[in-house]
Amino acid sequence: MQQQLIEQITQRVGIPADKAQAAVETVVGFLKQRLPGPIASQLDNAVSGEDSSGGVAGAAKSVGGMLGKQ
């Protein structure tokens, strides 16, 4: 998934892949520092492609549940 995200940024913003990769790593790191541990772990797994728990959708659902949304 990280590679897909890098490709999307490269295409949409028009920056080189190495700059897009740095941007993705920065954003993911920022989010992981601010999310609760289990959700940060899900995000990390989803981005690295090692997800087995619902991916970004699962992480979003967890956040929604924490905020009182189903």
PDB file of N, CA and C in Angstrom:
ATOM      1  N   MET A   1       0.808  -1.188   0.000  1.00  0.00           N
ATOM      2  CA  MET A   1       0.000   0.000   0.000  1.00  0.00           C
ATOM      3  C   MET A   1       0.858   1.260   0.000  1.00  0.00           C
ATOM      4  N   GLN A   2       1.984   1.214   0.672  1.00  0.00           N
ATOM      5  CA  GLN A   2       2.844   2.402   0.708  1.00  0.00           C
ATOM      6  C   GLN A   2       3.274   2.778  -0.701  1.00  0.00           C
ATOM      7  N   GLN A   3       3.605   1.792  -1.518  1.00  0.00           N
ATOM      8  CA  GLN A   3       4.034   2.092  -2.878  1.00  0.00           C
ATOM      9  C   GLN A   3       2.893   2.719  -3.677  1.00  0.00           C
ATOM     10  N   GLN A   4       1.674   2.240  -3.466  1.00  0.00           N
ATOM     11  CA  GLN A   4       0.518   2.819  -4.147  1.00  0.00           C
ATOM     12  C   GLN A   4       0.314   4.272  -3.736  1.00  0.00           C
ATOM     13  N   LEU A   5       0.485   4.531  -2.474  1.00  0.00           N
ATOM     14  CA  LEU A   5       0.341   5.891  -1.969  1.00  0.00           C
ATOM     15  C   LEU A   5       1.410   6.804  -2.565  1.00  0.00           C
ATOM     16  N   ILE A   6       2.624   6.319  -2.643  1.00  0.00           N
ATOM     17  CA  ILE A   6       3.717   7.091  -3.240  1.00  0.00           C
ATOM     18  C   ILE A   6       3.413   7.397  -4.703  1.00  0.00           C
ATOM     19  N   GLU A   7       2.915   6.388  -5.423  1.00  0.00           N
ATOM     20  CA  GLU A   7       2.579   6.590  -6.833  1.00  0.00           C
ATOM     21  C   GLU A   7       1.461   7.621  -6.998  1.00  0.00           C
ATOM     22  N   GLN A   8       0.447   7.557  -6.123  1.00  0.00           N
ATOM     23  CA  GLN A   8      -0.648   8.532  -6.176  1.00  0.00           C
ATOM     24  C   GLN A   8      -0.129   9.949  -5.970  1.00  0.00           C
ATOM     25  N   ILE A   9       0.714  10.112  -4.977  1.00  0.00           N
ATOM     26  CA  ILE A   9       1.265  11.443  -4.687  1.00  0.00           C
ATOM     27  C   ILE A   9       2.116  11.924  -5.847  1.00  0.00           C
ATOM     28  N   THR A  10       2.933  11.045  -6.378  1.00  0.00           N
ATOM     29  CA  THR A  10       3.804  11.403  -7.507  1.00  0.00           C
ATOM     30  C   THR A  10       2.969  11.875  -8.694  1.00  0.00           C
ATOM     31  N   GLN A  11       1.906  11.143  -8.996  1.00  0.00           N
ATOM     32  CA  GLN A  11       1.062  11.490 -10.137  1.00  0.00           C
ATOM     33  C   GLN A  11       0.250  12.763  -9.894  1.00  0.00           C
ATOM     34  N   ARG A  12      -0.351  12.863  -8.732  1.00  0.00           N
ATOM     35  CA  ARG A  12      -1.263  13.989  -8.473  1.00  0.00           C
ATOM     36  C   ARG A  12      -0.548  15.301  -8.192  1.00  0.00           C
ATOM     37  N   VAL A  13       0.579  15.210  -7.500  1.00  0.00           N
ATOM     38  CA  VAL A  13       1.275  16.427  -7.112  1.00  0.00           C
ATOM     39  C   VAL A  13       2.406  16.759  -8.075  1.00  0.00           C
ATOM     40  N   GLY A  14       2.925  15.727  -8.739  1.00  0.00           N
ATOM     41  CA  GLY A  14       3.983  15.950  -9.707  1.00  0.00           C
ATOM     42  C   GLY A  14       5.366  16.089  -9.099  1.00  0.00           C
ATOM     43  N   ILE A  15       5.581  15.413  -7.966  1.00  0.00           N
ATOM     44  CA  ILE A  15       6.908  15.445  -7.344  1.00  0.00           C
ATOM     45  C   ILE A  15       7.597  14.102  -7.569  1.00  0.00           C
ATOM     46  N   PRO A  16       8.916  14.077  -7.475  1.00  0.00           N
ATOM     47  CA  PRO A  16       9.637  12.825  -7.666  1.00  0.00           C
ATOM     48  C   PRO A  16       9.261  11.785  -6.598  1.00  0.00           C
ATOM     49  N   ALA A  17       9.433  10.525  -6.952  1.00  0.00           N
ATOM     50  CA  ALA A  17       9.061   9.421  -6.057  1.00  0.00           C
ATOM     51  C   ALA A  17       9.786   9.485  -4.715  1.00  0.00           C
ATOM     52  N   ASP A  18      11.048   9.905  -4.716  1.00  0.00           N
ATOM     53  CA  ASP A  18      11.776   9.956  -3.442  1.00  0.00           C
ATOM     54  C   ASP A  18      11.191  11.025  -2.509  1.00  0.00           C
ATOM     55  N   LYS A  19      10.722  12.115  -3.074  1.00  0.00           N
ATOM     56  CA  LYS A  19      10.085  13.161  -2.262  1.00  0.00           C
ATOM     57  C   LYS A  19       8.719  12.681  -1.768  1.00  0.00           C
ATOM     58  N   ALA A  20       7.980  11.980  -2.622  1.00  0.00           N
ATOM     59  CA  ALA A  20       6.683  11.436  -2.225  1.00  0.00           C
ATOM     60  C   ALA A  20       6.858  10.405  -1.117  1.00  0.00           C
ATOM     61  N   GLN A  21       7.896   9.579  -1.213  1.00  0.00           N
ATOM     62  CA  GLN A  21       8.163   8.588  -0.177  1.00  0.00           C
ATOM     63  C   GLN A  21       8.465   9.272   1.155  1.00  0.00           C
ATOM     64  N   ALA A  22       9.245  10.330   1.115  1.00  0.00           N
ATOM     65  CA  ALA A  22       9.552  11.072   2.338  1.00  0.00           C
ATOM     66  C   ALA A  22       8.277  11.663   2.933  1.00  0.00           C
ATOM     67  N   ALA A  23       7.389  12.161   2.090  1.00  0.00           N
ATOM     68  CA  ALA A  23       6.131  12.726   2.561  1.00  0.00           C
ATOM     69  C   ALA A  23       5.265  11.650   3.219  1.00  0.00           C
ATOM     70  N   VAL A  24       5.175  10.498   2.595  1.00  0.00           N
ATOM     71  CA  VAL A  24       4.381   9.395   3.148  1.00  0.00           C
ATOM     72  C   VAL A  24       4.952   8.966   4.503  1.00  0.00           C
ATOM     73  N   GLU A  25       6.251   8.804   4.569  1.00  0.00           N
ATOM     74  CA  GLU A  25       6.881   8.392   5.826  1.00  0.00           C
ATOM     75  C   GLU A  25       6.656   9.432   6.928  1.00  0.00           C
ATOM     76  N   THR A  26       6.696  10.699   6.563  1.00  0.00           N
ATOM     77  CA  THR A  26       6.464  11.769   7.527  1.00  0.00           C
ATOM     78  C   THR A  26       5.032  11.736   8.053  1.00  0.00           C
ATOM     79  N   VAL A  27       4.071  11.609   7.156  1.00  0.00           N
ATOM     80  CA  VAL A  27       2.661  11.594   7.562  1.00  0.00           C
ATOM     81  C   VAL A  27       2.354  10.358   8.404  1.00  0.00           C
ATOM     82  N   VAL A  28       2.831   9.204   7.976  1.00  0.00           N
ATOM     83  CA  VAL A  28       2.577   7.972   8.734  1.00  0.00           C
ATOM     84  C   VAL A  28       3.214   8.073  10.120  1.00  0.00           C
ATOM     85  N   GLY A  29       4.424   8.582  10.196  1.00  0.00           N
ATOM     86  CA  GLY A  29       5.079   8.760  11.488  1.00  0.00           C
ATOM     87  C   GLY A  29       4.314   9.716  12.387  1.00  0.00           C
ATOM     88  N   PHE A  30       3.828  10.798  11.812  1.00  0.00           N
ATOM     89  CA  PHE A  30       3.035  11.783  12.557  1.00  0.00           C
ATOM     90  C   PHE A  30       1.779  11.134  13.125  1.00  0.00           C
ATOM     91  N   LEU A  31       1.062  10.395  12.281  1.00  0.00           N
ATOM     92  CA  LEU A  31      -0.170   9.746  12.726  1.00  0.00           C
ATOM     93  C   LEU A  31       0.098   8.686  13.785  1.00  0.00           C
ATOM     94  N   LYS A  32       1.146   7.900  13.602  1.00  0.00           N
ATOM     95  CA  LYS A  32       1.457   6.842  14.569  1.00  0.00           C
ATOM     96  C   LYS A  32       1.764   7.414  15.947  1.00  0.00           C
ATOM     97  N   GLN A  33       2.361   8.587  16.007  1.00  0.00           N
ATOM     98  CA  GLN A  33       2.671   9.205  17.295  1.00  0.00           C
ATOM     99  C   GLN A  33       1.417   9.689  18.010  1.00  0.00           C
ATOM    100  N   ARG A  34       0.380   9.991  17.252  1.00  0.00           N
ATOM    101  CA  ARG A  34      -0.801  10.600  17.841  1.00  0.00           C
ATOM    102  C   ARG A  34      -1.991   9.662  18.005  1.00  0.00           C
ATOM    103  N   LEU A  35      -1.932   8.491  17.383  1.00  0.00           N
ATOM    104  CA  LEU A  35      -3.013   7.525  17.496  1.00  0.00           C
ATOM    105  C   LEU A  35      -2.753   6.573  18.656  1.00  0.00           C
ATOM    106  N   PRO A  36      -3.814   6.006  19.224  1.00  0.00           N
ATOM    107  CA  PRO A  36      -3.617   4.979  20.249  1.00  0.00           C
ATOM    108  C   PRO A  36      -2.832   3.797  19.673  1.00  0.00           C
ATOM    109  N   GLY A  37      -2.071   3.133  20.519  1.00  0.00           N
ATOM    110  CA  GLY A  37      -1.186   2.050  20.100  1.00  0.00           C
ATOM    111  C   GLY A  37      -1.778   1.036  19.146  1.00  0.00           C
ATOM    112  N   PRO A  38      -2.932   0.437  19.462  1.00  0.00           N
ATOM    113  CA  PRO A  38      -3.492  -0.578  18.560  1.00  0.00           C
ATOM    114  C   PRO A  38      -3.832  -0.029  17.176  1.00  0.00           C
ATOM    115  N   ILE A  39      -4.314   1.195  17.130  1.00  0.00           N
ATOM    116  CA  ILE A  39      -4.668   1.784  15.838  1.00  0.00           C
ATOM    117  C   ILE A  39      -3.402   2.158  15.075  1.00  0.00           C
ATOM    118  N   ALA A  40      -2.412   2.680  15.774  1.00  0.00           N
ATOM    119  CA  ALA A  40      -1.135   2.998  15.136  1.00  0.00           C
ATOM    120  C   ALA A  40      -0.513   1.744  14.554  1.00  0.00           C
ATOM    121  N   SER A  41      -0.633   0.644  15.267  1.00  0.00           N
ATOM    122  CA  SER A  41      -0.102  -0.635  14.783  1.00  0.00           C
ATOM    123  C   SER A  41      -0.842  -1.084  13.526  1.00  0.00           C
ATOM    124  N   GLN A  42      -2.167  -0.928  13.511  1.00  0.00           N
ATOM    125  CA  GLN A  42      -2.946  -1.280  12.324  1.00  0.00           C
ATOM    126  C   GLN A  42      -2.547  -0.410  11.139  1.00  0.00           C
ATOM    127  N   LEU A  43      -2.341   0.865  11.388  1.00  0.00           N
ATOM    128  CA  LEU A  43      -1.920   1.778  10.331  1.00  0.00           C
ATOM    129  C   LEU A  43      -0.569   1.350   9.780  1.00  0.00           C
ATOM    130  N   ASP A  44       0.348   1.046  10.674  1.00  0.00           N
ATOM    131  CA  ASP A  44       1.681   0.604  10.262  1.00  0.00           C
ATOM    132  C   ASP A  44       1.583  -0.661   9.418  1.00  0.00           C
ATOM    133  N   ASN A  45       0.781  -1.619   9.854  1.00  0.00           N
ATOM    134  CA  ASN A  45       0.613  -2.864   9.105  1.00  0.00           C
ATOM    135  C   ASN A  45      -0.028  -2.620   7.750  1.00  0.00           C
ATOM    136  N   ALA A  46      -1.040  -1.750   7.699  1.00  0.00           N
ATOM    137  CA  ALA A  46      -1.718  -1.469   6.444  1.00  0.00           C
ATOM    138  C   ALA A  46      -0.776  -0.808   5.446  1.00  0.00           C
ATOM    139  N   VAL A  47      -0.003   0.131   5.915  1.00  0.00           N
ATOM    140  CA  VAL A  47       0.912   0.852   5.026  1.00  0.00           C
ATOM    141  C   VAL A  47       2.042  -0.053   4.547  1.00  0.00           C
ATOM    142  N   SER A  48       2.496  -0.945   5.419  1.00  0.00           N
ATOM    143  CA  SER A  48       3.589  -1.833   5.032  1.00  0.00           C
ATOM    144  C   SER A  48       3.115  -3.019   4.212  1.00  0.00           C
ATOM    145  N   GLY A  49       1.793  -3.202   4.117  1.00  0.00           N
ATOM    146  CA  GLY A  49       1.254  -4.309   3.335  1.00  0.00           C
ATOM    147  C   GLY A  49       1.144  -5.600   4.107  1.00  0.00           C
ATOM    148  N   GLU A  50       1.330  -5.565   5.413  1.00  0.00           N
ATOM    149  CA  GLU A  50       1.292  -6.764   6.231  1.00  0.00           C
ATOM    150  C   GLU A  50      -0.007  -6.869   7.005  1.00  0.00           C
ATOM    151  N   ASP A  51      -1.049  -6.223   6.516  1.00  0.00           N
ATOM    152  CA  ASP A  51      -2.287  -6.138   7.279  1.00  0.00           C
ATOM    153  C   ASP A  51      -3.094  -7.420   7.225  1.00  0.00           C
ATOM    154  N   SER A  52      -3.654  -7.779   8.376  1.00  0.00           N
ATOM    155  CA  SER A  52      -4.569  -8.914   8.439  1.00  0.00           C
ATOM    156  C   SER A  52      -5.788  -8.569   9.277  1.00  0.00           C
ATOM    157  N   SER A  53      -5.966  -7.285   9.573  1.00  0.00           N
ATOM    158  CA  SER A  53      -7.042  -6.901  10.488  1.00  0.00           C
ATOM    159  C   SER A  53      -7.972  -5.836   9.914  1.00  0.00           C
ATOM    160  N   GLY A  54      -8.112  -5.797   8.604  1.00  0.00           N
ATOM    161  CA  GLY A  54      -9.052  -4.842   8.034  1.00  0.00           C
ATOM    162  C   GLY A  54      -8.405  -3.633   7.389  1.00  0.00           C
ATOM    163  N   GLY A  55      -7.105  -3.533   7.391  1.00  0.00           N
ATOM    164  CA  GLY A  55      -6.417  -2.454   6.719  1.00  0.00           C
ATOM    165  C   GLY A  55      -6.802  -1.082   7.215  1.00  0.00           C
ATOM    166  N   VAL A  56      -6.724  -0.123   6.333  1.00  0.00           N
ATOM    167  CA  VAL A  56      -7.061   1.241   6.685  1.00  0.00           C
ATOM    168  C   VAL A  56      -8.530   1.328   7.068  1.00  0.00           C
ATOM    169  N   ALA A  57      -9.367   0.542   6.399  1.00  0.00           N
ATOM    170  CA  ALA A  57     -10.795   0.543   6.752  1.00  0.00           C
ATOM    171  C   ALA A  57     -10.983   0.080   8.189  1.00  0.00           C
ATOM    172  N   GLY A  58     -10.237  -0.944   8.589  1.00  0.00           N
ATOM    173  CA  GLY A  58     -10.323  -1.420   9.969  1.00  0.00           C
ATOM    174  C   GLY A  58      -9.837  -0.373  10.948  1.00  0.00           C
ATOM    175  N   ALA A  59      -8.769   0.303  10.600  1.00  0.00           N
ATOM    176  CA  ALA A  59      -8.252   1.364  11.464  1.00  0.00           C
ATOM    177  C   ALA A  59      -9.259   2.507  11.549  1.00  0.00           C
ATOM    178  N   ALA A  60      -9.857   2.876  10.416  1.00  0.00           N
ATOM    179  CA  ALA A  60     -10.855   3.948  10.418  1.00  0.00           C
ATOM    180  C   ALA A  60     -12.066   3.560  11.259  1.00  0.00           C
ATOM    181  N   LYS A  61     -12.476   2.305  11.160  1.00  0.00           N
ATOM    182  CA  LYS A  61     -13.610   1.839  11.957  1.00  0.00           C
ATOM    183  C   LYS A  61     -13.284   1.909  13.443  1.00  0.00           C
ATOM    184  N   SER A  62     -12.056   1.548  13.796  1.00  0.00           N
ATOM    185  CA  SER A  62     -11.641   1.626  15.200  1.00  0.00           C
ATOM    186  C   SER A  62     -11.672   3.061  15.702  1.00  0.00           C
ATOM    187  N   VAL A  63     -11.182   3.981  14.894  1.00  0.00           N
ATOM    188  CA  VAL A  63     -11.201   5.386  15.276  1.00  0.00           C
ATOM    189  C   VAL A  63     -12.647   5.857  15.410  1.00  0.00           C
ATOM    190  N   GLY A  64     -13.506   5.471  14.461  1.00  0.00           N
ATOM    191  CA  GLY A  64     -14.911   5.846  14.518  1.00  0.00           C
ATOM    192  C   GLY A  64     -15.572   5.325  15.783  1.00  0.00           C
ATOM    193  N   GLY A  65     -15.230   4.082  16.156  1.00  0.00           N
ATOM    194  CA  GLY A  65     -15.775   3.510  17.381  1.00  0.00           C
ATOM    195  C   GLY A  65     -15.335   4.281  18.603  1.00  0.00           C
ATOM    196  N   MET A  66     -14.105   4.724  18.612  1.00  0.00           N
ATOM    197  CA  MET A  66     -13.597   5.497  19.743  1.00  0.00           C
ATOM    198  C   MET A  66     -14.292   6.842  19.845  1.00  0.00           C
ATOM    199  N   LEU A  67     -14.740   7.354  18.707  1.00  0.00           N
ATOM    200  CA  LEU A  67     -15.401   8.656  18.681  1.00  0.00           C
ATOM    201  C   LEU A  67     -16.915   8.525  18.813  1.00  0.00           C
ATOM    202  N   GLY A  68     -17.377   7.292  19.045  1.00  0.00           N
ATOM    203  CA  GLY A  68     -18.799   7.079  19.248  1.00  0.00           C
ATOM    204  C   GLY A  68     -19.593   6.860  17.987  1.00  0.00           C
ATOM    205  N   LYS A  69     -18.898   6.622  16.868  1.00  0.00           N
ATOM    206  CA  LYS A  69     -19.579   6.363  15.605  1.00  0.00           C
ATOM    207  C   LYS A  69     -19.422   4.889  15.255  1.00  0.00           C
ATOM    208  N   GLN A  70     -20.405   4.327  14.642  1.00  0.00           N
ATOM    209  CA  GLN A  70     -20.361   2.906  14.264  1.00  0.00           C
ATOM    210  C   GLN A  70     -20.121   2.759  12.790  1.00  0.00           C
TER     211      GLN A  70
END
